[in-house]
Amino acid sequence: MKWAFVLDIGSGSKREQMHRSGFATEKEAAARRAAALAQLNDGTFVAPSKVTFGDHLDRWLENSVTQGWSPNTRRIRETAVMHAKRRLADVPLQALEREHFRRFFAWLLREGKIIRTSHGVVSGPMKPRSVASIYGSLRLALSPAVEDRLIRFNPVIGTFKTPKDGGGEEMQTWTLEELRAFLHAIAGRRDAGLFATALATGMRRGELLGLRWRDVDLVGGRINVRRQWTMAGDKGWRFQALKTGTKAMRTIEIDRFTAAILERQRELVTRERVAWGGAYTNKDLVFPYADGRPQDGSQVTRRFKYAISQCPDVPMMVFHGCRHTHATLLLEDGVSLKVVAQRLGDHENTVLRNYGHVLPRGAAIAASRVAAWLDDGEADRSVSDEAGRLRAEVDALRARLAAYEPAGHTAEHREQSVSGGAAEALVPAGTPDDSY
């Protein structure tokens, strides 16, 4: 004989009952009913539901239209949902346990990446930062389920440790010598201005492709970053204004070499506008196609990689590596974390996490400079030689800076500007005279 119980769980005039059966004894059935009743009274009761995790994720995306997500955020969330449904779509929402997600994230790290090749689709390991992004999206997706009392707790929380404090992978960056070799190799190419500006400012690809001439002050040496050209899901590419008051909306100081690069870019765009005549699409863009239309970001990346492939001494990297190279060289040259964060439009903690591996090298440089101060002639000759080299570099940099530093330009301005720092050296000697 089996025992069962019935419990009224509706509220107000709406009557709803919960039926549970299959208990071996009357005592067991009564205990389960008492526990359910206690949860009902203290507000922690969760009504039984047959909704699957996949169904919940679909509803979450449908309801997200009220959340004001940017197109890029929506794409990130949709990607996370796609990966989650590959493994967990059919699991009942109320049956989800923390172990489900621990195993899911371990699977992503091991073989979750989808790689499309000429021979079909294969699997590969996913980077920790990509898994961290999926973790964040799924944690957010289950929050409404807790609020609506579909589940008692969020089983995603704490199941994946986000890489912090430089614990993630180091993205490929270039040394100063590799950067100069690349700039020399692309001199004369139509993309030279775009690639050089990316390296000299650390701007994101979308920010560069959305940049307008009205936001560039070549005389004052400033670029005002106000919008981006971004992929908006099914709507395709579109311009999107950066949120007012965020760190992404910023002003970047540029040196005279970068200003010269942009001046030549303006001459190029002007020639192309005249050549195309009435067929030209004038959107005031700094880096458009030859006919004035906004460029496809994926095509820019492909051309960037092709340009690298023509430079045998320069390692391959993605376009975003220009941003990482810019930040890395500035930090290695002693520019403060705060100033680098301002130029990138990031929080200082984000810069510290992404570039923590650079700081030990910066510390070694600092130690060498201290040795130069204290060297009385009796120190180890190798230390003295290094100190002399560093002093010579500093003196040469000061001489170059004095040669073009405007009157009234203070030391504070030097720290805030690319000029006087590593970014001035981003452009090879003679570059301002090279033609595109």
Foldseek 3Di string as FASTA:
>chain_A
DKDKDKDFLDDDPDTDIDIDIGHPDPVVRVVVVVVQVVCSVVVLHADDDQQFPLNLLVVLLVVCVVVPDFLVLNVLLVVLSVLCCVQGRNHGPQPDALVSQLVSLVCQQAWSDWDQDPVGIGTGGDFLQSSVSSLVSLQVSCPVCCVVRNYNDRSSPPSHDRQFQQRGDAADADDLVLLQLLLVLCFPPLCSLVLLVCLLQLEDLFQQLQFAPVQDDLVQQKGFRFWGWDQRPPVGTDIDTDDPPALRGAMAGEDNVNSLSLVLLVVQQVVLCVVCDPQADDPRHSDDPSSPHRDDSVVVQVVVQVSQVVRVVHDGGTSSSSSVNNLLQQVLQPQDLVLNCSSNSHDSRVSSGNCVVSVVNSVVVVVLCVCLVVDPPPDDVVSVVSNVVVVVVLVVLVVVCVVDPDPPCDPVNCSNHSRSTRSVSSHPPPNSVGHD
